[in-house]
PDB file of all heavy atoms in Angstrom:
ATOM      1  N   GLY A   1      71.105 100.224 116.454  1.00  0.00           N
ATOM      2  CA  GLY A   1      72.254 100.974 115.988  1.00  0.00           C
ATOM      3  C   GLY A   1      72.652 102.136 116.873  1.00  0.00           C
ATOM      4  O   GLY A   1      73.513 102.943 116.494  1.00  0.00           O
ATOM      5  N   GLY A   2      72.071 102.242 118.041  1.00  0.00           N
ATOM      6  CA  GLY A   2      72.392 103.338 118.947  1.00  0.00           C
ATOM      7  C   GLY A   2      73.577 103.011 119.847  1.00  0.00           C
ATOM      8  O   GLY A   2      74.026 101.863 119.924  1.00  0.00           O
ATOM      9  N   ASP A   3      74.073 104.038 120.479  1.00  0.00           N
ATOM     10  CA  ASP A   3      75.165 103.883 121.456  1.00  0.00           C
ATOM     11  C   ASP A   3      74.614 104.239 122.833  1.00  0.00           C
ATOM     12  O   ASP A   3      74.362 105.405 123.118  1.00  0.00           O
ATOM     13  CB  ASP A   3      76.337 104.794 121.111  1.00  0.00           C
ATOM     14  CG  ASP A   3      77.522 104.599 122.050  1.00  0.00           C
ATOM     15  OD1 ASP A   3      77.383 103.847 123.036  1.00  0.00           O
ATOM     16  OD2 ASP A   3      78.580 105.213 121.812  1.00  0.00           O
ATOM     17  N   PRO A   4      74.411 103.241 123.700  1.00  0.00           N
ATOM     18  CA  PRO A   4      73.810 103.514 125.015  1.00  0.00           C
ATOM     19  C   PRO A   4      74.706 104.299 125.957  1.00  0.00           C
ATOM     20  O   PRO A   4      74.255 104.725 127.015  1.00  0.00           O
ATOM     21  CB  PRO A   4      73.530 102.117 125.569  1.00  0.00           C
ATOM     22  CG  PRO A   4      73.646 101.201 124.402  1.00  0.00           C
ATOM     23  CD  PRO A   4      74.625 101.823 123.485  1.00  0.00           C
ATOM     24  N   GLY A   5      75.992 104.450 125.633  1.00  0.00           N
ATOM     25  CA  GLY A   5      76.869 105.227 126.499  1.00  0.00           C
ATOM     26  C   GLY A   5      78.146 104.499 126.843  1.00  0.00           C
ATOM     27  O   GLY A   5      78.309 103.301 126.556  1.00  0.00           O
ATOM     28  N   PRO A   6      79.081 105.198 127.488  1.00  0.00           N
ATOM     29  CA  PRO A   6      80.406 104.629 127.770  1.00  0.00           C
ATOM     30  C   PRO A   6      80.398 103.477 128.759  1.00  0.00           C
ATOM     31  O   PRO A   6      81.359 102.713 128.811  1.00  0.00           O
ATOM     32  CB  PRO A   6      81.189 105.819 128.325  1.00  0.00           C
ATOM     33  CG  PRO A   6      80.146 106.758 128.847  1.00  0.00           C
ATOM     34  CD  PRO A   6      78.977 106.597 127.940  1.00  0.00           C
ATOM     35  N   LEU A   7      79.335 103.341 129.549  1.00  0.00           N
ATOM     36  CA  LEU A   7      79.248 102.230 130.509  1.00  0.00           C
ATOM     37  C   LEU A   7      78.085 101.302 130.145  1.00  0.00           C
ATOM     38  O   LEU A   7      77.436 100.722 131.018  1.00  0.00           O
ATOM     39  CB  LEU A   7      79.071 102.764 131.929  1.00  0.00           C
ATOM     40  CG  LEU A   7      80.217 103.614 132.485  1.00  0.00           C
ATOM     41  CD1 LEU A   7      79.904 104.074 133.907  1.00  0.00           C
ATOM     42  CD2 LEU A   7      81.539 102.851 132.456  1.00  0.00           C
ATOM     43  N   ALA A   8      77.844 101.147 128.861  1.00  0.00           N
ATOM     44  CA  ALA A   8      76.696 100.372 128.385  1.00  0.00           C
ATOM     45  C   ALA A   8      76.650  98.978 128.991  1.00  0.00           C
ATOM     46  O   ALA A   8      77.570  98.181 128.827  1.00  0.00           O
ATOM     47  CB  ALA A   8      76.749 100.263 126.860  1.00  0.00           C
ATOM     48  N   GLY A   9      75.577  98.708 129.715  1.00  0.00           N
ATOM     49  CA  GLY A   9      75.352  97.382 130.270  1.00  0.00           C
ATOM     50  C   GLY A   9      76.197  97.016 131.462  1.00  0.00           C
ATOM     51  O   GLY A   9      76.144  95.865 131.929  1.00  0.00           O
ATOM     52  N   VAL A  10      76.970  97.951 131.989  1.00  0.00           N
ATOM     53  CA  VAL A  10      77.855  97.634 133.111  1.00  0.00           C
ATOM     54  C   VAL A  10      77.067  97.633 134.417  1.00  0.00           C
ATOM     55  O   VAL A  10      76.479  98.651 134.798  1.00  0.00           O
ATOM     56  CB  VAL A  10      79.012  98.649 133.206  1.00  0.00           C
ATOM     57  CG1 VAL A  10      79.871  98.351 134.431  1.00  0.00           C
ATOM     58  CG2 VAL A  10      79.854  98.623 131.938  1.00  0.00           C
ATOM     59  N   PRO A  11      77.032  96.517 135.144  1.00  0.00           N
ATOM     60  CA  PRO A  11      76.348  96.488 136.442  1.00  0.00           C
ATOM     61  C   PRO A  11      77.112  97.341 137.467  1.00  0.00           C
ATOM     62  O   PRO A  11      78.341  97.283 137.546  1.00  0.00           O
ATOM     63  CB  PRO A  11      76.385  95.007 136.834  1.00  0.00           C
ATOM     64  CG  PRO A  11      76.717  94.274 135.571  1.00  0.00           C
ATOM     65  CD  PRO A  11      77.572  95.204 134.778  1.00  0.00           C
ATOM     66  N   ILE A  12      76.382  98.106 138.244  1.00  0.00           N
ATOM     67  CA  ILE A  12      76.996  98.965 139.246  1.00  0.00           C
ATOM     68  C   ILE A  12      76.185  98.920 140.525  1.00  0.00           C
ATOM     69  O   ILE A  12      74.958  98.764 140.492  1.00  0.00           O
ATOM     70  CB  ILE A  12      77.122 100.417 138.719  1.00  0.00           C
ATOM     71  CG1 ILE A  12      77.931 101.279 139.695  1.00  0.00           C
ATOM     72  CG2 ILE A  12      75.758 101.040 138.449  1.00  0.00           C
ATOM     73  CD1 ILE A  12      78.337 102.628 139.132  1.00  0.00           C
ATOM     74  N   ALA A  13      76.876  99.026 141.653  1.00  0.00           N
ATOM     75  CA  ALA A  13      76.229  99.057 142.967  1.00  0.00           C
ATOM     76  C   ALA A  13      76.318 100.462 143.528  1.00  0.00           C
ATOM     77  O   ALA A  13      77.301 101.169 143.311  1.00  0.00           O
ATOM     78  CB  ALA A  13      76.903  98.062 143.911  1.00  0.00           C
ATOM     79  N   LEU A  14      75.291 100.873 144.250  1.00  0.00           N
ATOM     80  CA  LEU A  14      75.226 102.215 144.819  1.00  0.00           C
ATOM     81  C   LEU A  14      75.190 102.149 146.339  1.00  0.00           C
ATOM     82  O   LEU A  14      74.406 101.383 146.916  1.00  0.00           O
ATOM     83  CB  LEU A  14      73.966 102.948 144.340  1.00  0.00           C
ATOM     84  CG  LEU A  14      73.747 103.080 142.835  1.00  0.00           C
ATOM     85  CD1 LEU A  14      72.417 103.779 142.572  1.00  0.00           C
ATOM     86  CD2 LEU A  14      74.892 103.837 142.185  1.00  0.00           C
ATOM     87  N   LYS A  15      76.013 102.937 146.981  1.00  0.00           N
ATOM     88  CA  LYS A  15      75.932 103.061 148.429  1.00  0.00           C
ATOM     89  C   LYS A  15      74.536 103.520 148.812  1.00  0.00           C
ATOM     90  O   LYS A  15      73.946 104.389 148.143  1.00  0.00           O
ATOM     91  CB  LYS A  15      76.997 104.060 148.917  1.00  0.00           C
ATOM     92  CG  LYS A  15      77.122 104.139 150.430  1.00  0.00           C
ATOM     93  CD  LYS A  15      78.273 105.058 150.812  1.00  0.00           C
ATOM     94  CE  LYS A  15      78.455 105.177 152.325  1.00  0.00           C
ATOM     95  NZ  LYS A  15      79.613 106.018 152.687  1.00  0.00           N
ATOM     96  N   ASP A  16      74.033 102.998 149.905  1.00  0.00           N
ATOM     97  CA  ASP A  16      72.622 103.210 150.230  1.00  0.00           C
ATOM     98  C   ASP A  16      72.334 104.564 150.884  1.00  0.00           C
ATOM     99  O   ASP A  16      71.353 104.709 151.608  1.00  0.00           O
ATOM    100  CB  ASP A  16      72.099 102.072 151.111  1.00  0.00           C
ATOM    101  CG  ASP A  16      70.584 101.902 150.973  1.00  0.00           C
ATOM    102  OD1 ASP A  16      70.046 102.295 149.924  1.00  0.00           O
ATOM    103  OD2 ASP A  16      69.957 101.369 151.901  1.00  0.00           O
ATOM    104  N   ASN A  17      73.165 105.559 150.606  1.00  0.00           N
ATOM    105  CA  ASN A  17      72.819 106.935 150.960  1.00  0.00           C
ATOM    106  C   ASN A  17      72.657 107.802 149.718  1.00  0.00           C
ATOM    107  O   ASN A  17      72.608 109.022 149.806  1.00  0.00           O
ATOM    108  CB  ASN A  17      73.865 107.554 151.895  1.00  0.00           C
ATOM    109  CG  ASN A  17      75.261 107.581 151.291  1.00  0.00           C
ATOM    110  OD1 ASN A  17      75.508 107.022 150.231  1.00  0.00           O
ATOM    111  ND2 ASN A  17      76.182 108.214 151.996  1.00  0.00           N
ATOM    112  N   LEU A  18      72.565 107.144 148.539  1.00  0.00           N
ATOM    113  CA  LEU A  18      72.300 107.833 147.277  1.00  0.00           C
ATOM    114  C   LEU A  18      70.840 107.612 146.914  1.00  0.00           C
ATOM    115  O   LEU A  18      70.396 106.470 146.750  1.00  0.00           O
ATOM    116  CB  LEU A  18      73.217 107.303 146.174  1.00  0.00           C
ATOM    117  CG  LEU A  18      74.711 107.549 146.387  1.00  0.00           C
ATOM    118  CD1 LEU A  18      75.528 106.769 145.366  1.00  0.00           C
ATOM    119  CD2 LEU A  18      75.013 109.033 146.300  1.00  0.00           C
ATOM    120  N   CYS A  19      70.101 108.692 146.788  1.00  0.00           N
ATOM    121  CA  CYS A  19      68.664 108.579 146.536  1.00  0.00           C
ATOM    122  C   CYS A  19      68.385 107.934 145.184  1.00  0.00           C
ATOM    123  O   CYS A  19      68.984 108.289 144.171  1.00  0.00           O
ATOM    124  CB  CYS A  19      68.019 109.960 146.580  1.00  0.00           C
ATOM    125  SG  CYS A  19      67.925 110.666 148.237  1.00  0.00           S
ATOM    126  N   THR A  20      67.466 106.980 145.196  1.00  0.00           N
ATOM    127  CA  THR A  20      67.024 106.287 143.995  1.00  0.00           C
ATOM    128  C   THR A  20      65.503 106.277 143.995  1.00  0.00           C
ATOM    129  O   THR A  20      64.881 105.759 144.934  1.00  0.00           O
ATOM    130  CB  THR A  20      67.564 104.850 143.960  1.00  0.00           C
ATOM    131  OG1 THR A  20      67.444 104.263 145.275  1.00  0.00           O
ATOM    132  CG2 THR A  20      69.011 104.812 143.551  1.00  0.00           C
ATOM    133  N   ARG A  21      64.931 106.861 142.970  1.00  0.00           N
ATOM    134  CA  ARG A  21      63.474 107.030 142.933  1.00  0.00           C
ATOM    135  C   ARG A  21      62.754 105.683 143.017  1.00  0.00           C
ATOM    136  O   ARG A  21      63.003 104.775 142.228  1.00  0.00           O
ATOM    137  CB  ARG A  21      63.067 107.753 141.649  1.00  0.00           C
ATOM    138  CG  ARG A  21      61.587 108.043 141.571  1.00  0.00           C
ATOM    139  CD  ARG A  21      61.226 108.782 140.294  1.00  0.00           C
ATOM    140  NE  ARG A  21      59.799 109.066 140.257  1.00  0.00           N
ATOM    141  CZ  ARG A  21      59.179 109.635 139.231  1.00  0.00           C
ATOM    142  NH1 ARG A  21      59.879 109.986 138.156  1.00  0.00           N
ATOM    143  NH2 ARG A  21      57.890 109.855 139.281  1.00  0.00           N
ATOM    144  N   GLY A  22      61.888 105.570 144.019  1.00  0.00           N
ATOM    145  CA  GLY A  22      61.073 104.379 144.179  1.00  0.00           C
ATOM    146  C   GLY A  22      61.787 103.178 144.770  1.00  0.00           C
ATOM    147  O   GLY A  22      61.165 102.138 144.984  1.00  0.00           O
ATOM    148  N   VAL A  23      63.095 103.313 145.019  1.00  0.00           N
ATOM    149  CA  VAL A  23      63.876 102.209 145.604  1.00  0.00           C
ATOM    150  C   VAL A  23      64.299 102.635 147.006  1.00  0.00           C
ATOM    151  O   VAL A  23      64.850 103.723 147.191  1.00  0.00           O
ATOM    152  CB  VAL A  23      65.125 101.891 144.762  1.00  0.00           C
ATOM    153  CG1 VAL A  23      65.943 100.774 145.404  1.00  0.00           C
ATOM    154  CG2 VAL A  23      64.735 101.539 143.337  1.00  0.00           C
ATOM    155  N   ARG A  24      64.068 101.797 147.982  1.00  0.00           N
ATOM    156  CA  ARG A  24      64.328 102.216 149.353  1.00  0.00           C
ATOM    157  C   ARG A  24      65.790 102.617 149.534  1.00  0.00           C
ATOM    158  O   ARG A  24      66.704 102.011 148.967  1.00  0.00           O
ATOM    159  CB  ARG A  24      63.927 101.145 150.360  1.00  0.00           C
ATOM    160  CG  ARG A  24      64.821  99.942 150.454  1.00  0.00           C
ATOM    161  CD  ARG A  24      64.434  99.104 151.662  1.00  0.00           C
ATOM    162  NE  ARG A  24      65.371  98.002 151.848  1.00  0.00           N
ATOM    163  CZ  ARG A  24      65.565  97.389 153.009  1.00  0.00           C
ATOM    164  NH1 ARG A  24      64.901  97.780 154.079  1.00  0.00           N
ATOM    165  NH2 ARG A  24      66.420  96.396 153.123  1.00  0.00           N
ATOM    166  N   THR A  25      65.957 103.652 150.306  1.00  0.00           N
ATOM    167  CA  THR A  25      67.279 104.227 150.577  1.00  0.00           C
ATOM    168  C   THR A  25      67.379 104.388 152.084  1.00  0.00           C
ATOM    169  O   THR A  25      66.775 105.289 152.666  1.00  0.00           O
ATOM    170  CB  THR A  25      67.436 105.581 149.859  1.00  0.00           C
ATOM    171  OG1 THR A  25      67.279 105.373 148.448  1.00  0.00           O
ATOM    172  CG2 THR A  25      68.776 106.202 150.144  1.00  0.00           C
ATOM    173  N   THR A  26      68.144 103.512 152.737  1.00  0.00           N
ATOM    174  CA  THR A  26      68.082 103.399 154.189  1.00  0.00           C
ATOM    175  C   THR A  26      69.176 104.145 154.936  1.00  0.00           C
ATOM    176  O   THR A  26      69.048 104.400 156.129  1.00  0.00           O
ATOM    177  CB  THR A  26      68.172 101.923 154.618  1.00  0.00           C
ATOM    178  OG1 THR A  26      69.513 101.443 154.385  1.00  0.00           O
ATOM    179  CG2 THR A  26      67.189 101.055 153.855  1.00  0.00           C
ATOM    180  N   CYS A  27      70.293 104.439 154.273  1.00  0.00           N
ATOM    181  CA  CYS A  27      71.480 104.989 154.959  1.00  0.00           C
ATOM    182  C   CYS A  27      71.941 104.088 156.098  1.00  0.00           C
ATOM    183  O   CYS A  27      72.586 104.541 157.045  1.00  0.00           O
ATOM    184  CB  CYS A  27      71.205 106.399 155.497  1.00  0.00           C
ATOM    185  SG  CYS A  27      70.951 107.611 154.214  1.00  0.00           S
ATOM    186  N   GLY A  28      71.609 102.811 156.016  1.00  0.00           N
ATOM    187  CA  GLY A  28      72.007 101.873 157.053  1.00  0.00           C
ATOM    188  C   GLY A  28      71.327 102.106 158.382  1.00  0.00           C
ATOM    189  O   GLY A  28      71.815 101.660 159.424  1.00  0.00           O
ATOM    190  N   SER A  29      70.145 102.777 158.369  1.00  0.00           N
ATOM    191  CA  SER A  29      69.491 103.194 159.609  1.00  0.00           C
ATOM    192  C   SER A  29      68.048 102.716 159.679  1.00  0.00           C
ATOM    193  O   SER A  29      67.327 102.708 158.673  1.00  0.00           O
ATOM    194  CB  SER A  29      69.519 104.723 159.708  1.00  0.00           C
ATOM    195  OG  SER A  29      68.874 105.165 160.884  1.00  0.00           O
ATOM    196  N   ARG A  30      67.623 102.361 160.868  1.00  0.00           N
ATOM    197  CA  ARG A  30      66.223 101.980 161.075  1.00  0.00           C
ATOM    198  C   ARG A  30      65.291 103.155 160.813  1.00  0.00           C
ATOM    199  O   ARG A  30      64.136 102.962 160.425  1.00  0.00           O
ATOM    200  CB  ARG A  30      66.018 101.489 162.513  1.00  0.00           C
ATOM    201  CG  ARG A  30      66.681 100.168 162.817  1.00  0.00           C
ATOM    202  CD  ARG A  30      66.032  99.019 162.094  1.00  0.00           C
ATOM    203  NE  ARG A  30      66.668  97.735 162.408  1.00  0.00           N
ATOM    204  CZ  ARG A  30      66.551  96.643 161.672  1.00  0.00           C
ATOM    205  NH1 ARG A  30      65.825  96.680 160.556  1.00  0.00           N
ATOM    206  NH2 ARG A  30      67.150  95.526 162.025  1.00  0.00           N
ATOM    207  N   ILE A  31      65.784 104.361 160.995  1.00  0.00           N
ATOM    208  CA  ILE A  31      64.912 105.525 160.864  1.00  0.00           C
ATOM    209  C   ILE A  31      64.475 105.733 159.410  1.00  0.00           C
ATOM    210  O   ILE A  31      63.466 106.381 159.139  1.00  0.00           O
ATOM    211  CB  ILE A  31      65.587 106.788 161.443  1.00  0.00           C
ATOM    212  CG1 ILE A  31      64.523 107.749 161.992  1.00  0.00           C
ATOM    213  CG2 ILE A  31      66.494 107.473 160.442  1.00  0.00           C
ATOM    214  CD1 ILE A  31      65.062 108.789 162.942  1.00  0.00           C
ATOM    215  N   LEU A  32      65.244 105.161 158.458  1.00  0.00           N
ATOM    216  CA  LEU A  32      64.889 105.250 157.038  1.00  0.00           C
ATOM    217  C   LEU A  32      64.675 103.867 156.420  1.00  0.00           C
ATOM    218  O   LEU A  32      64.738 103.719 155.196  1.00  0.00           O
ATOM    219  CB  LEU A  32      65.985 105.996 156.267  1.00  0.00           C
ATOM    220  CG  LEU A  32      66.108 107.501 156.517  1.00  0.00           C
ATOM    221  CD1 LEU A  32      67.269 108.081 155.728  1.00  0.00           C
ATOM    222  CD2 LEU A  32      64.814 108.221 156.160  1.00  0.00           C
ATOM    223  N   GLU A  33      64.384 102.884 157.242  1.00  0.00           N
ATOM    224  CA  GLU A  33      64.301 101.508 156.764  1.00  0.00           C
ATOM    225  C   GLU A  33      63.299 101.335 155.628  1.00  0.00           C
ATOM    226  O   GLU A  33      63.519 100.527 154.719  1.00  0.00           O
ATOM    227  CB  GLU A  33      63.927 100.576 157.926  1.00  0.00           C
ATOM    228  CG  GLU A  33      63.878  99.115 157.543  1.00  0.00           C
ATOM    229  CD  GLU A  33      63.634  98.207 158.740  1.00  0.00           C
ATOM    230  OE1 GLU A  33      63.429  98.728 159.860  1.00  0.00           O
ATOM    231  OE2 GLU A  33      63.661  96.972 158.553  1.00  0.00           O
ATOM    232  N   HIS A  34      62.214 102.085 155.644  1.00  0.00           N
ATOM    233  CA  HIS A  34      61.163 101.914 154.643  1.00  0.00           C
ATOM    234  C   HIS A  34      60.988 103.151 153.772  1.00  0.00           C
ATOM    235  O   HIS A  34      59.927 103.334 153.168  1.00  0.00           O
ATOM    236  CB  HIS A  34      59.840 101.566 155.340  1.00  0.00           C
ATOM    237  CG  HIS A  34      59.921 100.341 156.189  1.00  0.00           C
ATOM    238  ND1 HIS A  34      60.137  99.077 155.671  1.00  0.00           N
ATOM    239  CD2 HIS A  34      59.844 100.178 157.541  1.00  0.00           C
ATOM    240  CE1 HIS A  34      60.182  98.196 156.658  1.00  0.00           C
ATOM    241  NE2 HIS A  34      60.008  98.830 157.805  1.00  0.00           N
ATOM    242  N   TRP A  35      62.023 103.993 153.695  1.00  0.00           N
ATOM    243  CA  TRP A  35      61.897 105.233 152.919  1.00  0.00           C
ATOM    244  C   TRP A  35      62.219 104.982 151.453  1.00  0.00           C
ATOM    245  O   TRP A  35      63.253 104.404 151.125  1.00  0.00           O
ATOM    246  CB  TRP A  35      62.836 106.306 153.477  1.00  0.00           C
ATOM    247  CG  TRP A  35      62.671 107.629 152.781  1.00  0.00           C
ATOM    248  CD1 TRP A  35      61.522 108.343 152.642  1.00  0.00           C
ATOM    249  CD2 TRP A  35      63.706 108.377 152.131  1.00  0.00           C
ATOM    250  NE1 TRP A  35      61.778 109.506 151.952  1.00  0.00           N
ATOM    251  CE2 TRP A  35      63.091 109.551 151.624  1.00  0.00           C
ATOM    252  CE3 TRP A  35      65.070 108.179 151.935  1.00  0.00           C
ATOM    253  CZ2 TRP A  35      63.803 110.527 150.931  1.00  0.00           C
ATOM    254  CZ3 TRP A  35      65.786 109.142 151.246  1.00  0.00           C
ATOM    255  CH2 TRP A  35      65.164 110.302 150.754  1.00  0.00           C
ATOM    256  N   HIS A  36      61.329 105.440 150.568  1.00  0.00           N
ATOM    257  CA  HIS A  36      61.516 105.337 149.126  1.00  0.00           C
ATOM    258  C   HIS A  36      61.556 106.757 148.565  1.00  0.00           C
ATOM    259  O   HIS A  36      60.515 107.415 148.489  1.00  0.00           O
ATOM    260  CB  HIS A  36      60.383 104.529 148.479  1.00  0.00           C
ATOM    261  CG  HIS A  36      60.379 103.089 148.875  1.00  0.00           C
ATOM    262  ND1 HIS A  36      60.074 102.665 150.161  1.00  0.00           N
ATOM    263  CD2 HIS A  36      60.650 101.967 148.159  1.00  0.00           C
ATOM    264  CE1 HIS A  36      60.157 101.339 150.204  1.00  0.00           C
ATOM    265  NE2 HIS A  36      60.498 100.898 149.011  1.00  0.00           N
ATOM    266  N   PRO A  37      62.708 107.241 148.175  1.00  0.00           N
ATOM    267  CA  PRO A  37      62.813 108.632 147.703  1.00  0.00           C
ATOM    268  C   PRO A  37      61.952 108.884 146.463  1.00  0.00           C
ATOM    269  O   PRO A  37      61.774 107.990 145.616  1.00  0.00           O
ATOM    270  CB  PRO A  37      64.301 108.784 147.357  1.00  0.00           C
ATOM    271  CG  PRO A  37      64.989 107.699 148.108  1.00  0.00           C
ATOM    272  CD  PRO A  37      64.016 106.569 148.182  1.00  0.00           C
ATOM    273  N   PRO A  38      61.455 110.115 146.314  1.00  0.00           N
ATOM    274  CA  PRO A  38      60.668 110.462 145.128  1.00  0.00           C
ATOM    275  C   PRO A  38      61.512 110.977 143.966  1.00  0.00           C
ATOM    276  O   PRO A  38      60.967 111.441 142.970  1.00  0.00           O
ATOM    277  CB  PRO A  38      59.748 111.567 145.659  1.00  0.00           C
ATOM    278  CG  PRO A  38      60.566 112.248 146.706  1.00  0.00           C
ATOM    279  CD  PRO A  38      61.405 111.160 147.349  1.00  0.00           C
ATOM    280  N   TYR A  39      62.831 110.911 144.089  1.00  0.00           N
ATOM    281  CA  TYR A  39      63.705 111.432 143.040  1.00  0.00           C
ATOM    282  C   TYR A  39      65.030 110.678 143.055  1.00  0.00           C
ATOM    283  O   TYR A  39      65.358 109.988 144.015  1.00  0.00           O
ATOM    284  CB  TYR A  39      63.954 112.928 143.232  1.00  0.00           C
ATOM    285  CG  TYR A  39      64.784 113.271 144.449  1.00  0.00           C
ATOM    286  CD1 TYR A  39      66.130 113.591 144.314  1.00  0.00           C
ATOM    287  CD2 TYR A  39      64.242 113.256 145.730  1.00  0.00           C
ATOM    288  CE1 TYR A  39      66.910 113.897 145.425  1.00  0.00           C
ATOM    289  CE2 TYR A  39      65.005 113.559 146.837  1.00  0.00           C
ATOM    290  CZ  TYR A  39      66.337 113.881 146.685  1.00  0.00           C
ATOM    291  OH  TYR A  39      67.110 114.177 147.787  1.00  0.00           O
ATOM    292  N   ASP A  40      65.778 110.848 141.964  1.00  0.00           N
ATOM    293  CA  ASP A  40      67.102 110.249 141.845  1.00  0.00           C
ATOM    294  C   ASP A  40      68.180 111.270 142.169  1.00  0.00           C
ATOM    295  O   ASP A  40      68.058 112.458 141.823  1.00  0.00           O
ATOM    296  CB  ASP A  40      67.354 109.752 140.413  1.00  0.00           C
ATOM    297  CG  ASP A  40      66.665 108.439 140.114  1.00  0.00           C
ATOM    298  OD1 ASP A  40      66.584 107.589 141.018  1.00  0.00           O
ATOM    299  OD2 ASP A  40      66.215 108.258 138.966  1.00  0.00           O
ATOM    300  N   ALA A  41      69.261 110.825 142.788  1.00  0.00           N
ATOM    301  CA  ALA A  41      70.455 111.659 142.917  1.00  0.00           C
ATOM    302  C   ALA A  41      70.989 111.967 141.523  1.00  0.00           C
ATOM    303  O   ALA A  41      70.814 111.199 140.580  1.00  0.00           O
ATOM    304  CB  ALA A  41      71.518 110.933 143.735  1.00  0.00           C
TER     305      ALA A  41
END
């Protein structure tokens, strides 16, 4: 009976320069190819 929010269940893609905790964030660069941020934007 809850309301998950205005975008409930909507799939979204994130540009790879937005930090995502535990998910690699490369900025399209080899220098960050294996970087996994410790926090979310």
